[in-house]
Amino acid sequence: MDFLYQDLVGEGGRVFPEVKPVQLFKLPIKIPNIEDTNEILKSKNIENKVQQIQKLWSELIDKQRQFLEYLQAKYNITKPSKSLQKWIKLDSNGLLSELKKAKVSLEVKTEMELLKFFKEEKIEIATFKEKIEKIDNEIDQYVCELYGLTEDEIRIVNNANA
């Protein structure tokens, strides 16, 4: 849908694009034929996959929040830096550097334990992201089938979104 919307409206790159109802009506929203069991099934599959993604995103956000809250509570960090708030983007050295800026001093053994925990959390979050991407690709496939897109049309859409 994003591909079609951008093609129709041409507001790509705007932070807050103006979405007008007249533009939305131009989008070919597929309403499944209630007499076509296959279309109904595909629509239900899309709905289920979207719910799975919502659940995974919620869990991923909770996981990120919990790790930050752990750091704040464990090391008495009242106001974490923006980098520390986005700890998932840090590597081990970056985490240690941010903790040092927050005036946290760690013994070597504690530092090693924290880094092990940090890496485990990053792996778990990466796993969430992989699951989300896999389900997102499945949704794309269902949508392509629902709209009856040809291989060439799918390739055009995929290239435009790359």
N, C-alpha and C. Protein backbone atom coordinates (compact mmCIF):
# COMPACT_ATOMS: atom_id res chain seq x y z
N MET A 1 0.82 -1.19 0.00
CA MET A 1 0.00 0.00 0.00
C MET A 1 0.87 1.26 0.00
N ASP A 2 1.97 1.20 0.74
CA ASP A 2 2.84 2.36 0.80
C ASP A 2 3.34 2.72 -0.60
N PHE A 3 3.70 1.68 -1.38
CA PHE A 3 4.18 1.90 -2.74
C PHE A 3 3.13 2.65 -3.55
N LEU A 4 1.88 2.17 -3.52
CA LEU A 4 0.81 2.81 -4.28
C LEU A 4 0.52 4.22 -3.76
N TYR A 5 0.49 4.36 -2.45
CA TYR A 5 0.20 5.67 -1.86
C TYR A 5 1.26 6.69 -2.29
N GLN A 6 2.52 6.30 -2.20
CA GLN A 6 3.60 7.21 -2.58
C GLN A 6 3.51 7.55 -4.07
N ASP A 7 3.14 6.55 -4.88
CA ASP A 7 3.01 6.77 -6.31
C ASP A 7 1.87 7.74 -6.61
N LEU A 8 0.76 7.60 -5.90
CA LEU A 8 -0.41 8.46 -6.12
C LEU A 8 -0.23 9.87 -5.55
N VAL A 9 0.37 9.95 -4.37
CA VAL A 9 0.42 11.21 -3.64
C VAL A 9 1.75 11.93 -3.82
N GLY A 10 2.83 11.17 -3.85
CA GLY A 10 4.15 11.76 -4.05
C GLY A 10 4.64 12.62 -2.90
N GLU A 11 4.33 12.23 -1.69
CA GLU A 11 4.80 12.98 -0.52
C GLU A 11 5.90 12.22 0.21
N GLY A 12 6.61 11.39 -0.50
CA GLY A 12 7.67 10.60 0.11
C GLY A 12 8.72 11.48 0.75
N GLY A 13 9.21 11.07 1.89
CA GLY A 13 10.26 11.80 2.58
C GLY A 13 9.76 12.86 3.54
N ARG A 14 8.49 13.18 3.49
CA ARG A 14 7.96 14.16 4.44
C ARG A 14 7.75 13.50 5.79
N VAL A 15 8.12 14.21 6.84
CA VAL A 15 7.98 13.67 8.19
C VAL A 15 6.51 13.52 8.55
N PHE A 16 5.72 14.53 8.26
CA PHE A 16 4.28 14.50 8.54
C PHE A 16 3.51 14.78 7.26
N PRO A 17 3.38 13.78 6.39
CA PRO A 17 2.66 14.01 5.14
C PRO A 17 1.19 14.31 5.41
N GLU A 18 0.62 15.11 4.55
CA GLU A 18 -0.79 15.46 4.67
C GLU A 18 -1.61 14.35 4.00
N VAL A 19 -2.36 13.63 4.79
CA VAL A 19 -3.17 12.53 4.27
C VAL A 19 -4.60 13.04 4.10
N LYS A 20 -5.05 13.05 2.86
CA LYS A 20 -6.40 13.55 2.57
C LYS A 20 -7.30 12.38 2.20
N PRO A 21 -8.54 12.41 2.67
CA PRO A 21 -9.48 11.32 2.35
C PRO A 21 -9.60 11.07 0.85
N VAL A 22 -9.59 12.13 0.05
CA VAL A 22 -9.73 11.96 -1.39
C VAL A 22 -8.58 11.11 -1.96
N GLN A 23 -7.39 11.22 -1.35
CA GLN A 23 -6.26 10.41 -1.79
C GLN A 23 -6.42 8.96 -1.33
N LEU A 24 -6.95 8.78 -0.14
CA LEU A 24 -7.15 7.42 0.37
C LEU A 24 -8.16 6.65 -0.46
N PHE A 25 -9.17 7.35 -0.97
CA PHE A 25 -10.19 6.68 -1.77
C PHE A 25 -9.62 6.14 -3.08
N LYS A 26 -8.49 6.68 -3.51
CA LYS A 26 -7.85 6.21 -4.74
C LYS A 26 -7.15 4.86 -4.55
N LEU A 27 -6.87 4.51 -3.30
CA LEU A 27 -6.17 3.25 -3.03
C LEU A 27 -7.10 2.06 -3.28
N PRO A 28 -6.59 1.06 -3.95
CA PRO A 28 -7.42 -0.11 -4.25
C PRO A 28 -7.51 -1.07 -3.06
N ILE A 29 -8.32 -0.72 -2.09
CA ILE A 29 -8.48 -1.56 -0.90
C ILE A 29 -9.25 -2.81 -1.31
N LYS A 30 -8.67 -3.94 -1.06
CA LYS A 30 -9.29 -5.22 -1.44
C LYS A 30 -10.22 -5.67 -0.33
N ILE A 31 -11.49 -5.75 -0.65
CA ILE A 31 -12.47 -6.29 0.29
C ILE A 31 -12.75 -7.71 -0.17
N PRO A 32 -12.47 -8.68 0.69
CA PRO A 32 -12.62 -10.07 0.26
C PRO A 32 -14.07 -10.42 -0.08
N ASN A 33 -14.20 -11.19 -1.11
CA ASN A 33 -15.50 -11.69 -1.53
C ASN A 33 -15.94 -12.74 -0.51
N ILE A 34 -17.07 -12.50 0.16
CA ILE A 34 -17.51 -13.41 1.23
C ILE A 34 -17.89 -14.79 0.70
N GLU A 35 -18.06 -14.89 -0.60
CA GLU A 35 -18.39 -16.20 -1.19
C GLU A 35 -17.14 -16.96 -1.61
N ASP A 36 -15.99 -16.30 -1.55
CA ASP A 36 -14.73 -16.94 -1.94
C ASP A 36 -13.97 -17.34 -0.68
N THR A 37 -14.04 -18.61 -0.35
CA THR A 37 -13.40 -19.13 0.86
C THR A 37 -11.91 -18.83 0.88
N ASN A 38 -11.27 -18.92 -0.27
CA ASN A 38 -9.83 -18.68 -0.37
C ASN A 38 -9.49 -17.23 0.00
N GLU A 39 -10.27 -16.28 -0.49
CA GLU A 39 -10.03 -14.87 -0.16
C GLU A 39 -10.27 -14.60 1.33
N ILE A 40 -11.31 -15.19 1.87
CA ILE A 40 -11.61 -15.02 3.30
C ILE A 40 -10.47 -15.58 4.12
N LEU A 41 -9.98 -16.75 3.74
CA LEU A 41 -8.87 -17.40 4.46
C LEU A 41 -7.62 -16.53 4.42
N LYS A 42 -7.29 -16.00 3.25
CA LYS A 42 -6.11 -15.13 3.11
C LYS A 42 -6.27 -13.88 3.98
N SER A 43 -7.45 -13.30 3.98
CA SER A 43 -7.70 -12.11 4.80
C SER A 43 -7.54 -12.42 6.28
N LYS A 44 -8.05 -13.56 6.70
CA LYS A 44 -7.91 -13.98 8.11
C LYS A 44 -6.44 -14.23 8.45
N ASN A 45 -5.72 -14.83 7.50
CA ASN A 45 -4.28 -15.07 7.72
C ASN A 45 -3.54 -13.75 7.90
N ILE A 46 -3.87 -12.76 7.07
CA ILE A 46 -3.24 -11.45 7.20
C ILE A 46 -3.56 -10.85 8.57
N GLU A 47 -4.81 -10.93 8.96
CA GLU A 47 -5.24 -10.39 10.25
C GLU A 47 -4.48 -11.06 11.40
N ASN A 48 -4.36 -12.38 11.34
CA ASN A 48 -3.63 -13.12 12.39
C ASN A 48 -2.15 -12.74 12.42
N LYS A 49 -1.56 -12.59 11.24
CA LYS A 49 -0.14 -12.23 11.17
C LYS A 49 0.09 -10.82 11.72
N VAL A 50 -0.82 -9.90 11.42
CA VAL A 50 -0.70 -8.54 11.95
C VAL A 50 -0.77 -8.56 13.47
N GLN A 51 -1.67 -9.36 14.02
CA GLN A 51 -1.77 -9.47 15.47
C GLN A 51 -0.49 -10.06 16.07
N GLN A 52 0.11 -11.02 15.37
CA GLN A 52 1.38 -11.60 15.84
C GLN A 52 2.47 -10.53 15.87
N ILE A 53 2.53 -9.72 14.81
CA ILE A 53 3.55 -8.66 14.76
C ILE A 53 3.32 -7.65 15.88
N GLN A 54 2.07 -7.27 16.11
CA GLN A 54 1.78 -6.32 17.19
C GLN A 54 2.24 -6.87 18.53
N LYS A 55 1.99 -8.14 18.76
CA LYS A 55 2.40 -8.78 20.02
C LYS A 55 3.92 -8.79 20.14
N LEU A 56 4.60 -9.17 19.06
CA LEU A 56 6.07 -9.21 19.08
C LEU A 56 6.66 -7.82 19.30
N TRP A 57 6.12 -6.80 18.64
CA TRP A 57 6.62 -5.43 18.84
C TRP A 57 6.43 -5.00 20.28
N SER A 58 5.29 -5.34 20.84
CA SER A 58 5.02 -4.99 22.24
C SER A 58 6.04 -5.67 23.16
N GLU A 59 6.30 -6.94 22.92
CA GLU A 59 7.28 -7.68 23.73
C GLU A 59 8.68 -7.11 23.54
N LEU A 60 9.02 -6.76 22.31
CA LEU A 60 10.35 -6.20 22.02
C LEU A 60 10.53 -4.87 22.75
N ILE A 61 9.54 -4.01 22.69
CA ILE A 61 9.62 -2.71 23.37
C ILE A 61 9.72 -2.91 24.88
N ASP A 62 8.95 -3.85 25.42
CA ASP A 62 9.03 -4.15 26.86
C ASP A 62 10.43 -4.62 27.23
N LYS A 63 11.00 -5.48 26.39
CA LYS A 63 12.34 -6.02 26.65
C LYS A 63 13.37 -4.89 26.69
N GLN A 64 13.28 -3.98 25.73
CA GLN A 64 14.21 -2.85 25.70
C GLN A 64 14.04 -1.97 26.93
N ARG A 65 12.81 -1.70 27.28
CA ARG A 65 12.52 -0.87 28.45
C ARG A 65 13.03 -1.53 29.73
N GLN A 66 12.82 -2.84 29.86
CA GLN A 66 13.22 -3.56 31.07
C GLN A 66 14.73 -3.51 31.27
N PHE A 67 15.50 -3.63 30.19
CA PHE A 67 16.95 -3.59 30.33
C PHE A 67 17.40 -2.20 30.78
N LEU A 68 16.81 -1.17 30.20
CA LEU A 68 17.17 0.19 30.61
C LEU A 68 16.79 0.42 32.07
N GLU A 69 15.61 -0.03 32.46
CA GLU A 69 15.18 0.11 33.86
C GLU A 69 16.10 -0.66 34.80
N TYR A 70 16.57 -1.82 34.35
CA TYR A 70 17.53 -2.60 35.15
C TYR A 70 18.80 -1.78 35.37
N LEU A 71 19.34 -1.22 34.29
CA LEU A 71 20.56 -0.41 34.42
C LEU A 71 20.35 0.77 35.36
N GLN A 72 19.22 1.44 35.20
CA GLN A 72 18.94 2.59 36.06
C GLN A 72 18.84 2.19 37.52
N ALA A 73 18.14 1.11 37.80
CA ALA A 73 17.96 0.68 39.20
C ALA A 73 19.26 0.12 39.77
N LYS A 74 19.93 -0.72 39.02
CA LYS A 74 21.14 -1.39 39.50
C LYS A 74 22.27 -0.40 39.75
N TYR A 75 22.41 0.60 38.87
CA TYR A 75 23.56 1.50 38.95
C TYR A 75 23.15 2.93 39.32
N ASN A 76 21.92 3.08 39.81
CA ASN A 76 21.43 4.37 40.31
C ASN A 76 21.61 5.49 39.28
N ILE A 77 21.16 5.22 38.07
CA ILE A 77 21.23 6.22 36.99
C ILE A 77 19.87 6.91 36.93
N THR A 78 19.84 8.16 37.36
CA THR A 78 18.55 8.86 37.41
C THR A 78 18.12 9.40 36.05
N LYS A 79 19.09 9.88 35.28
CA LYS A 79 18.76 10.43 33.96
C LYS A 79 19.70 9.82 32.92
N PRO A 80 19.27 8.72 32.29
CA PRO A 80 20.14 8.08 31.30
C PRO A 80 20.30 8.97 30.06
N SER A 81 21.48 8.91 29.47
CA SER A 81 21.75 9.67 28.24
C SER A 81 20.87 9.14 27.11
N LYS A 82 20.77 9.93 26.05
CA LYS A 82 20.00 9.49 24.88
C LYS A 82 20.60 8.20 24.30
N SER A 83 21.91 8.11 24.29
CA SER A 83 22.57 6.90 23.78
C SER A 83 22.23 5.70 24.64
N LEU A 84 22.22 5.88 25.94
CA LEU A 84 21.90 4.77 26.84
C LEU A 84 20.43 4.39 26.70
N GLN A 85 19.57 5.37 26.45
CA GLN A 85 18.16 5.06 26.23
C GLN A 85 17.98 4.21 24.97
N LYS A 86 18.88 4.39 24.02
CA LYS A 86 18.86 3.59 22.78
C LYS A 86 19.97 2.55 22.83
N TRP A 87 20.08 1.87 23.97
CA TRP A 87 21.17 0.94 24.23
C TRP A 87 21.28 -0.16 23.18
N ILE A 88 20.20 -0.48 22.53
CA ILE A 88 20.22 -1.57 21.55
C ILE A 88 21.16 -1.24 20.38
N LYS A 89 21.42 0.04 20.15
CA LYS A 89 22.30 0.45 19.05
C LYS A 89 23.77 0.47 19.46
N LEU A 90 24.03 0.28 20.76
CA LEU A 90 25.40 0.32 21.26
C LEU A 90 26.07 -1.04 21.13
N ASP A 91 27.40 -1.01 21.02
CA ASP A 91 28.16 -2.25 21.16
C ASP A 91 28.67 -2.28 22.61
N SER A 92 29.44 -3.29 22.95
CA SER A 92 29.92 -3.43 24.33
C SER A 92 30.71 -2.21 24.79
N ASN A 93 31.61 -1.73 23.94
CA ASN A 93 32.41 -0.55 24.31
C ASN A 93 31.53 0.68 24.49
N GLY A 94 30.53 0.81 23.63
CA GLY A 94 29.61 1.94 23.75
C GLY A 94 28.83 1.91 25.05
N LEU A 95 28.39 0.71 25.45
CA LEU A 95 27.66 0.59 26.72
C LEU A 95 28.55 0.99 27.89
N LEU A 96 29.78 0.47 27.90
CA LEU A 96 30.70 0.80 28.99
C LEU A 96 31.01 2.29 29.02
N SER A 97 31.16 2.87 27.84
CA SER A 97 31.43 4.31 27.75
C SER A 97 30.26 5.12 28.31
N GLU A 98 29.04 4.73 27.98
CA GLU A 98 27.85 5.44 28.48
C GLU A 98 27.72 5.29 29.99
N LEU A 99 28.04 4.11 30.50
CA LEU A 99 27.99 3.90 31.96
C LEU A 99 29.04 4.75 32.66
N LYS A 100 30.21 4.85 32.02
CA LYS A 100 31.28 5.68 32.59
C LYS A 100 30.85 7.15 32.64
N LYS A 101 30.18 7.62 31.57
CA LYS A 101 29.67 8.99 31.54
C LYS A 101 28.65 9.22 32.65
N ALA A 102 27.93 8.15 33.01
CA ALA A 102 26.92 8.25 34.08
C ALA A 102 27.56 8.05 35.46
N LYS A 103 28.90 8.06 35.48
CA LYS A 103 29.65 7.93 36.74
C LYS A 103 29.46 6.57 37.40
N VAL A 104 29.33 5.53 36.57
CA VAL A 104 29.21 4.17 37.09
C VAL A 104 30.57 3.51 36.96
N SER A 105 31.09 3.03 38.08
CA SER A 105 32.36 2.31 38.03
C SER A 105 32.09 0.84 38.36
N LEU A 106 32.67 -0.02 37.55
CA LEU A 106 32.43 -1.46 37.69
C LEU A 106 33.73 -2.21 37.92
N GLU A 107 33.66 -3.21 38.76
CA GLU A 107 34.80 -4.12 38.89
C GLU A 107 34.82 -5.00 37.65
N VAL A 108 35.97 -5.56 37.36
CA VAL A 108 36.14 -6.35 36.14
C VAL A 108 35.13 -7.50 36.07
N LYS A 109 34.95 -8.22 37.15
CA LYS A 109 34.03 -9.36 37.15
C LYS A 109 32.59 -8.88 36.90
N THR A 110 32.19 -7.80 37.54
CA THR A 110 30.85 -7.25 37.36
C THR A 110 30.67 -6.77 35.92
N GLU A 111 31.71 -6.14 35.39
CA GLU A 111 31.68 -5.65 34.02
C GLU A 111 31.49 -6.81 33.04
N MET A 112 32.22 -7.91 33.28
CA MET A 112 32.11 -9.08 32.41
C MET A 112 30.70 -9.69 32.47
N GLU A 113 30.14 -9.76 33.67
CA GLU A 113 28.78 -10.29 33.83
C GLU A 113 27.76 -9.40 33.13
N LEU A 114 27.93 -8.09 33.28
CA LEU A 114 27.02 -7.15 32.64
C LEU A 114 27.10 -7.27 31.11
N LEU A 115 28.32 -7.35 30.59
CA LEU A 115 28.48 -7.46 29.13
C LEU A 115 27.88 -8.76 28.60
N LYS A 116 28.00 -9.83 29.37
CA LYS A 116 27.39 -11.10 28.96
C LYS A 116 25.86 -10.94 28.91
N PHE A 117 25.29 -10.34 29.94
CA PHE A 117 23.86 -10.09 30.00
C PHE A 117 23.42 -9.17 28.86
N PHE A 118 24.21 -8.12 28.60
CA PHE A 118 23.94 -7.17 27.53
C PHE A 118 23.88 -7.88 26.17
N LYS A 119 24.85 -8.75 25.92
CA LYS A 119 24.88 -9.48 24.65
C LYS A 119 23.69 -10.43 24.53
N GLU A 120 23.32 -11.07 25.63
CA GLU A 120 22.16 -11.97 25.62
C GLU A 120 20.88 -11.20 25.29
N GLU A 121 20.75 -10.02 25.87
CA GLU A 121 19.57 -9.19 25.61
C GLU A 121 19.54 -8.74 24.15
N LYS A 122 20.69 -8.36 23.61
CA LYS A 122 20.74 -7.93 22.21
C LYS A 122 20.39 -9.08 21.28
N ILE A 123 20.85 -10.29 21.61
CA ILE A 123 20.52 -11.46 20.79
C ILE A 123 19.02 -11.73 20.83
N GLU A 124 18.44 -11.62 22.02
CA GLU A 124 17.00 -11.86 22.15
C GLU A 124 16.20 -10.83 21.35
N ILE A 125 16.63 -9.59 21.38
CA ILE A 125 15.93 -8.55 20.62
C ILE A 125 16.12 -8.77 19.12
N ALA A 126 17.31 -9.19 18.71
CA ALA A 126 17.54 -9.50 17.30
C ALA A 126 16.62 -10.63 16.85
N THR A 127 16.40 -11.60 17.73
CA THR A 127 15.49 -12.71 17.43
C THR A 127 14.07 -12.20 17.23
N PHE A 128 13.63 -11.27 18.10
CA PHE A 128 12.31 -10.66 17.93
C PHE A 128 12.21 -10.00 16.56
N LYS A 129 13.25 -9.23 16.20
CA LYS A 129 13.23 -8.50 14.93
C LYS A 129 13.20 -9.46 13.74
N GLU A 130 13.93 -10.57 13.84
CA GLU A 130 13.90 -11.57 12.76
C GLU A 130 12.51 -12.18 12.61
N LYS A 131 11.87 -12.48 13.74
CA LYS A 131 10.51 -13.03 13.69
C LYS A 131 9.55 -12.03 13.06
N ILE A 132 9.68 -10.77 13.44
CA ILE A 132 8.82 -9.72 12.89
C ILE A 132 9.02 -9.61 11.38
N GLU A 133 10.27 -9.61 10.95
CA GLU A 133 10.57 -9.50 9.52
C GLU A 133 10.01 -10.70 8.74
N LYS A 134 10.14 -11.88 9.33
CA LYS A 134 9.62 -13.10 8.68
C LYS A 134 8.11 -13.01 8.51
N ILE A 135 7.42 -12.60 9.57
CA ILE A 135 5.96 -12.48 9.51
C ILE A 135 5.56 -11.37 8.54
N ASP A 136 6.31 -10.28 8.54
CA ASP A 136 6.03 -9.18 7.62
C ASP A 136 6.13 -9.65 6.17
N ASN A 137 7.13 -10.47 5.88
CA ASN A 137 7.28 -11.03 4.53
C ASN A 137 6.12 -11.96 4.19
N GLU A 138 5.65 -12.72 5.17
CA GLU A 138 4.49 -13.59 4.95
C GLU A 138 3.25 -12.76 4.63
N ILE A 139 3.08 -11.66 5.35
CA ILE A 139 1.95 -10.76 5.08
C ILE A 139 2.05 -10.22 3.66
N ASP A 140 3.25 -9.80 3.27
CA ASP A 140 3.44 -9.29 1.91
C ASP A 140 3.02 -10.34 0.88
N GLN A 141 3.40 -11.58 1.13
CA GLN A 141 3.06 -12.66 0.21
C GLN A 141 1.54 -12.84 0.13
N TYR A 142 0.88 -12.86 1.28
CA TYR A 142 -0.59 -12.98 1.30
C TYR A 142 -1.25 -11.83 0.55
N VAL A 143 -0.75 -10.62 0.76
CA VAL A 143 -1.32 -9.44 0.10
C VAL A 143 -1.14 -9.55 -1.42
N CYS A 144 0.04 -9.97 -1.84
CA CYS A 144 0.28 -10.15 -3.28
C CYS A 144 -0.68 -11.17 -3.87
N GLU A 145 -0.90 -12.26 -3.15
CA GLU A 145 -1.85 -13.28 -3.61
C GLU A 145 -3.27 -12.74 -3.63
N LEU A 146 -3.64 -12.01 -2.59
CA LEU A 146 -5.00 -11.47 -2.48
C LEU A 146 -5.30 -10.51 -3.63
N TYR A 147 -4.29 -9.72 -4.03
CA TYR A 147 -4.48 -8.77 -5.12
C TYR A 147 -4.20 -9.41 -6.48
N GLY A 148 -3.72 -10.64 -6.48
CA GLY A 148 -3.45 -11.32 -7.74
C GLY A 148 -2.31 -10.71 -8.52
N LEU A 149 -1.27 -10.24 -7.82
CA LEU A 149 -0.13 -9.62 -8.49
C LEU A 149 0.69 -10.67 -9.23
N THR A 150 1.20 -10.28 -10.39
CA THR A 150 2.09 -11.15 -11.16
C THR A 150 3.49 -11.05 -10.57
N GLU A 151 4.37 -11.94 -11.00
CA GLU A 151 5.77 -11.91 -10.53
C GLU A 151 6.42 -10.57 -10.88
N ASP A 152 6.14 -10.06 -12.09
CA ASP A 152 6.71 -8.77 -12.50
C ASP A 152 6.22 -7.63 -11.60
N GLU A 153 4.94 -7.63 -11.29
CA GLU A 153 4.38 -6.59 -10.41
C GLU A 153 4.97 -6.68 -9.01
N ILE A 154 5.14 -7.90 -8.52
CA ILE A 154 5.75 -8.10 -7.20
C ILE A 154 7.18 -7.57 -7.20
N ARG A 155 7.91 -7.84 -8.26
CA ARG A 155 9.29 -7.37 -8.38
C ARG A 155 9.34 -5.84 -8.39
N ILE A 156 8.41 -5.21 -9.10
CA ILE A 156 8.36 -3.74 -9.16
C ILE A 156 8.11 -3.17 -7.76
N VAL A 157 7.14 -3.73 -7.06
CA VAL A 157 6.83 -3.26 -5.70
C VAL A 157 8.02 -3.47 -4.78
N ASN A 158 8.63 -4.65 -4.84
CA ASN A 158 9.78 -4.94 -3.97
C ASN A 158 10.95 -4.02 -4.26
N ASN A 159 11.21 -3.73 -5.52
CA ASN A 159 12.30 -2.82 -5.88
C ASN A 159 12.02 -1.40 -5.42
N ALA A 160 10.77 -0.99 -5.48
CA ALA A 160 10.40 0.36 -5.04
C ALA A 160 10.54 0.50 -3.53
N ASN A 161 10.33 -0.58 -2.80
CA ASN A 161 10.41 -0.54 -1.33
C ASN A 161 11.82 -0.80 -0.82
N ALA A 162 12.74 -1.17 -1.70
CA ALA A 162 14.11 -1.50 -1.26
C ALA A 162 14.92 -0.26 -1.00
